[in-house]
Protein backbone atom coordinates (compact mmCIF):
# COMPACT_ATOMS: atom_id res chain seq x y z
CA UNK A 1 48.79 -84.95 -76.03
CA UNK A 2 47.83 -81.29 -75.64
CA UNK A 3 51.36 -80.52 -74.49
CA UNK A 4 52.81 -82.15 -77.60
CA UNK A 5 50.43 -80.23 -79.87
CA UNK A 6 51.29 -76.95 -78.14
CA UNK A 7 55.02 -77.66 -78.46
CA UNK A 8 54.59 -78.28 -82.17
CA UNK A 9 52.62 -75.08 -82.57
CA UNK A 10 55.24 -73.09 -80.67
CA UNK A 11 57.97 -74.52 -82.87
CA UNK A 12 56.09 -73.51 -85.99
CA UNK A 13 55.55 -69.97 -84.77
CA UNK A 14 59.20 -69.65 -83.70
CA UNK A 15 60.14 -70.29 -87.32
CA UNK A 16 57.74 -67.55 -88.43
CA UNK A 17 59.30 -65.09 -85.96
CA UNK A 18 62.79 -65.88 -87.24
CA UNK A 19 61.82 -65.45 -90.89
CA UNK A 20 62.96 -62.45 -92.86
CA UNK A 21 60.83 -60.10 -94.94
CA UNK A 22 57.54 -60.59 -96.66
CA UNK A 23 59.42 -61.35 -99.90
CA UNK A 24 61.68 -63.97 -98.30
CA UNK A 25 65.42 -64.12 -97.70
CA UNK A 26 67.71 -61.75 -99.58
CA UNK A 27 69.22 -63.18 -102.75
CA UNK A 28 72.96 -63.03 -103.43
CA UNK A 29 73.59 -60.42 -106.13
CA UNK A 30 75.70 -61.62 -109.05
CA UNK A 31 76.84 -59.92 -112.24
CA UNK A 32 77.60 -56.53 -110.73
CA UNK A 33 79.44 -54.40 -113.33
CA UNK A 34 83.17 -54.59 -112.64
CA UNK A 35 85.01 -51.48 -111.49
CA UNK A 36 81.98 -49.53 -110.27
CA UNK A 37 82.39 -47.58 -107.03
CA UNK A 38 79.86 -45.48 -105.16
CA UNK A 39 81.11 -43.30 -102.30
CA UNK A 40 79.22 -41.41 -99.60
CA UNK A 41 81.40 -38.66 -98.09
CA UNK A 42 80.09 -37.07 -94.91
CA UNK A 43 79.67 -33.28 -95.03
CA UNK A 44 81.48 -30.67 -92.96
CA UNK A 45 78.48 -30.20 -90.72
CA UNK A 46 78.48 -27.55 -87.96
CA UNK A 47 76.35 -29.83 -85.77
CA UNK A 48 78.74 -32.79 -85.55
CA UNK A 49 82.43 -33.55 -85.87
CA UNK A 50 81.89 -36.90 -87.57
CA UNK A 51 83.70 -37.06 -90.90
CA UNK A 52 84.83 -39.70 -93.36
CA UNK A 53 83.35 -41.88 -96.05
CA UNK A 54 81.72 -45.20 -96.91
CA UNK A 55 82.66 -46.60 -100.32
CA UNK A 56 81.24 -49.65 -102.07
CA UNK A 57 82.99 -51.25 -105.07
CA UNK A 58 81.79 -54.17 -107.17
CA UNK A 59 83.52 -57.38 -106.24
CA UNK A 60 86.05 -58.46 -108.89
CA UNK A 61 83.94 -61.52 -109.77
CA UNK A 62 80.72 -59.49 -109.87
CA UNK A 63 79.24 -61.14 -106.80
CA UNK A 64 78.35 -58.65 -104.10
CA UNK A 65 80.04 -55.38 -103.15
CA UNK A 66 83.28 -54.71 -101.27
CA UNK A 67 82.85 -51.90 -98.76
CA UNK A 68 85.55 -49.72 -97.25
CA UNK A 69 84.54 -47.63 -94.23
CA UNK A 70 86.70 -44.85 -92.82
CA UNK A 71 85.03 -42.65 -90.19
CA UNK A 72 86.30 -40.45 -87.37
CA UNK A 73 85.34 -37.62 -85.03
CA UNK A 74 82.63 -39.43 -83.11
CA UNK A 75 81.15 -37.85 -79.95
CA UNK A 76 81.44 -39.33 -76.47
CA UNK A 77 81.47 -43.13 -76.47
CA UNK A 78 78.56 -43.14 -74.00
CA UNK A 79 76.34 -42.42 -77.01
CA UNK A 80 77.54 -45.58 -78.74
CA UNK A 81 77.98 -48.09 -80.05
CA UNK A 82 77.20 -46.07 -83.16
CA UNK A 83 75.21 -47.52 -86.02
CA UNK A 84 75.33 -46.96 -89.76
CA UNK A 85 72.88 -47.97 -92.45
CA UNK A 86 72.05 -47.41 -96.07
CA UNK A 87 68.74 -45.55 -96.11
CA UNK A 88 66.09 -45.82 -98.79
CA UNK A 89 66.03 -42.19 -99.90
CA UNK A 90 68.79 -39.68 -100.71
CA UNK A 91 69.61 -36.69 -98.53
CA UNK A 92 67.80 -33.59 -99.84
CA UNK A 93 69.59 -30.33 -100.63
CA UNK A 94 68.85 -28.95 -97.15
CA UNK A 95 70.78 -31.84 -95.54
CA UNK A 96 67.83 -33.17 -93.52
CA UNK A 97 68.77 -36.72 -92.51
CA UNK A 98 65.19 -37.52 -91.48
CA UNK A 99 64.14 -37.21 -95.12
CA UNK A 100 66.18 -40.32 -95.96
CA UNK A 101 63.32 -42.32 -94.41
CA UNK A 102 63.88 -45.93 -93.29
CA UNK A 103 66.64 -48.42 -94.03
CA UNK A 104 66.94 -49.92 -97.48
CA UNK A 105 64.66 -52.92 -97.08
CA UNK A 106 64.09 -54.63 -100.43
CA UNK A 107 62.41 -57.67 -98.90
CA UNK A 108 60.10 -55.73 -96.55
CA UNK A 109 61.61 -57.18 -93.37
CA UNK A 110 61.36 -54.29 -90.92
CA UNK A 111 63.85 -53.50 -88.17
CA UNK A 112 62.61 -56.01 -85.58
CA UNK A 113 63.71 -58.54 -84.54
CA UNK A 114 67.33 -57.30 -84.73
CA UNK A 115 69.56 -58.55 -87.51
CA UNK A 116 71.37 -61.82 -86.85
CA UNK A 117 74.85 -61.35 -88.40
CA UNK A 118 75.26 -65.12 -88.70
CA UNK A 119 72.32 -65.10 -91.14
CA UNK A 120 72.85 -61.92 -93.17
CA UNK A 121 70.38 -63.06 -95.82
CA UNK A 122 67.62 -62.55 -93.23
CA UNK A 123 68.61 -58.93 -92.48
CA UNK A 124 67.57 -55.69 -94.14
CA UNK A 125 69.91 -55.21 -97.07
CA UNK A 126 70.73 -51.69 -95.88
CA UNK A 127 71.59 -52.70 -92.31
CA UNK A 128 75.36 -52.55 -92.60
CA UNK A 129 75.93 -52.30 -88.84
CA UNK A 130 73.66 -55.25 -88.16
CA UNK A 131 75.34 -57.47 -90.73
CA UNK A 132 78.95 -56.35 -90.32
CA UNK A 133 79.29 -54.78 -86.87
CA UNK A 134 78.61 -51.52 -85.05
CA UNK A 135 81.00 -48.58 -84.82
CA UNK A 136 82.86 -49.10 -81.54
CA UNK A 137 86.01 -46.98 -81.96
CA UNK A 138 86.96 -43.53 -83.21
CA UNK A 139 88.52 -43.46 -85.71
CA UNK A 140 86.70 -46.45 -87.18
CA UNK A 141 87.97 -48.41 -90.15
CA UNK A 142 86.65 -51.65 -91.57
CA UNK A 143 86.27 -53.51 -94.86
CA UNK A 144 83.86 -56.28 -95.77
CA UNK A 145 82.08 -58.04 -98.63
CA UNK A 146 78.30 -57.67 -98.70
CA UNK A 147 76.67 -60.22 -100.97
CA UNK A 148 73.21 -58.65 -101.04
CA UNK A 149 73.76 -55.19 -102.53
CA UNK A 150 74.03 -54.04 -106.12
CA UNK A 151 76.11 -51.48 -108.02
CA UNK A 152 73.95 -51.90 -111.12
CA UNK A 153 70.98 -49.61 -111.61
CA UNK A 154 67.62 -51.34 -111.69
CA UNK A 155 67.16 -53.83 -108.86
CA UNK A 156 65.96 -52.59 -105.48
CA UNK A 157 69.26 -53.69 -103.91
CA UNK A 158 71.00 -50.90 -105.87
CA UNK A 159 72.41 -48.41 -103.35
CA UNK A 160 73.98 -45.82 -105.67
CA UNK A 161 70.97 -43.50 -105.53
CA UNK A 162 70.55 -43.77 -101.76
CA UNK A 163 72.32 -42.49 -98.63
CA UNK A 164 74.35 -43.49 -95.60
CA UNK A 165 73.15 -42.40 -92.16
CA UNK A 166 75.14 -42.50 -88.89
CA UNK A 167 73.18 -43.00 -85.66
CA UNK A 168 73.74 -43.09 -81.92
CA UNK A 169 72.84 -46.33 -80.15
CA UNK A 170 69.30 -45.03 -79.57
CA UNK A 171 68.98 -44.44 -83.37
CA UNK A 172 69.25 -40.62 -83.22
CA UNK A 173 70.54 -39.48 -86.61
CA UNK A 174 73.85 -37.65 -86.35
CA UNK A 175 74.92 -37.12 -89.95
CA UNK A 176 74.26 -38.43 -93.44
CA UNK A 177 75.49 -38.28 -97.04
CA UNK A 178 74.47 -39.41 -100.51
CA UNK A 179 76.26 -42.09 -102.48
CA UNK A 180 77.67 -40.78 -105.74
CA UNK A 181 79.33 -42.61 -108.60
CA UNK A 182 83.10 -42.20 -108.30
CA UNK A 183 84.29 -44.90 -110.70
CA UNK A 184 82.98 -47.04 -113.56
CA UNK A 185 79.64 -47.40 -115.34
CA UNK A 186 76.65 -48.65 -113.35
CA UNK A 187 74.23 -49.17 -116.22
CA UNK A 188 75.18 -52.82 -116.70
CA UNK A 189 72.73 -55.54 -115.70
CA UNK A 190 73.11 -58.12 -112.97
CA UNK A 191 71.39 -61.23 -111.66
CA UNK A 192 70.51 -62.74 -108.33
CA UNK A 193 71.37 -66.28 -107.31
CA UNK A 194 68.87 -68.92 -106.31
CA UNK A 195 70.47 -69.33 -102.88
CA UNK A 196 68.03 -66.78 -101.49
CA UNK A 197 64.29 -67.41 -101.64
CA UNK A 198 63.35 -63.77 -102.11
CA UNK A 199 61.95 -62.11 -105.18
CA UNK A 200 63.72 -58.96 -106.33
CA UNK A 201 61.61 -56.04 -107.40
CA UNK A 202 62.47 -53.36 -109.93
CA UNK A 203 62.16 -50.56 -107.42
CA UNK A 204 62.24 -50.49 -103.67
CA UNK A 205 58.87 -50.85 -101.92
CA UNK A 206 57.52 -48.06 -99.74
CA UNK A 207 59.81 -48.01 -96.67
CA UNK A 208 58.37 -49.48 -93.48
CA UNK A 209 58.12 -47.30 -90.37
CA UNK A 210 61.21 -47.27 -88.16
CA UNK A 211 59.63 -49.85 -85.84
CA UNK A 212 59.64 -52.22 -88.81
CA UNK A 213 57.02 -54.45 -90.32
CA UNK A 214 58.52 -57.44 -88.54
CA UNK A 215 57.64 -55.91 -85.18
CA UNK A 216 53.94 -56.15 -85.94
CA UNK A 217 54.38 -59.75 -87.02
CA UNK A 218 56.27 -60.55 -83.81
CA UNK A 219 53.58 -59.06 -81.55
CA UNK A 220 50.82 -60.77 -83.49
CA UNK A 221 52.55 -64.13 -83.20
CA UNK A 222 53.03 -63.66 -79.46
CA UNK A 223 49.32 -63.10 -79.02
CA UNK A 224 48.52 -66.24 -81.01
CA UNK A 225 50.92 -68.32 -78.90
CA UNK A 226 49.38 -66.97 -75.70
CA UNK A 227 45.94 -67.96 -76.99
CA UNK A 228 47.10 -71.46 -77.87
CA UNK A 229 48.65 -71.88 -74.43
CA UNK A 230 45.44 -70.80 -72.72
CA UNK A 231 43.43 -73.23 -74.83
CA UNK A 232 45.59 -76.30 -74.38
CA UNK A 233 46.58 -75.73 -70.75
C-alpha cells in the first residue's frame, strides 16, 4: 500500500515539475495589428563579428508573430550551439548586453527545466532558441511562427520595446540589439485565446534571476519526494 501511495505522490510531483510559470501556460496571442514589424539589427561591434537581424511581423490573421532570422559571422563552432532570446529590457546607450536582464518571461517560469519545444506554451515567451531551435550553422537563416508574442503595445508578451541577445552555449552574451518599429502601427489592441491557462499582465513582472524561478521549484520538489520516499520505505 505504501508503495502505491508513494507512486501516486511521485506522479503528482512530476506534474508540478513539468508545469510552466507561476501564472500558468502561455496564451496564444490573437488580434495582433496587421502589417506591424519590429526588427533588431545587430551592431557593428569591435568585440564580435556576429552580424544580422531578427525581425518579427504580425501574422496575416493576427494570431502570433512570423519571425525571420538572418545571422552570420559566428565564432568557432566549439562555442556553440549558439542561443538567442528576447530579453526583458532594452540595450542601453552604452551597448551593455548584461543590462538587458533575463529572458522575457511573462508567466514567471524561469529558465529551468529547459524548454520543451513540443510544448512551446510551457516555455518562456522570450526563449526563441528553446522553442524554435538553436543556432547551429553560420550563416544561420530560419523562419517560424511564434504564437505567444505580441506586436501590440500593452500586454507583457509585447516584444517591440525589448532586445535580442545572442549567447554561446554556456550563456555568455556575445552581442545584442534593440527591436525597433520598422513597419506599421503597433498601438492597436489584441486578445489572448483561452487555449492557454495563463493570465496576461499589463506589464512584464520583475525578471527572475538567470537560474530561473523554476529551478527553485524543482529543487524544492526533489527534497519533498526524497522525504516521502524515506517515510514510506
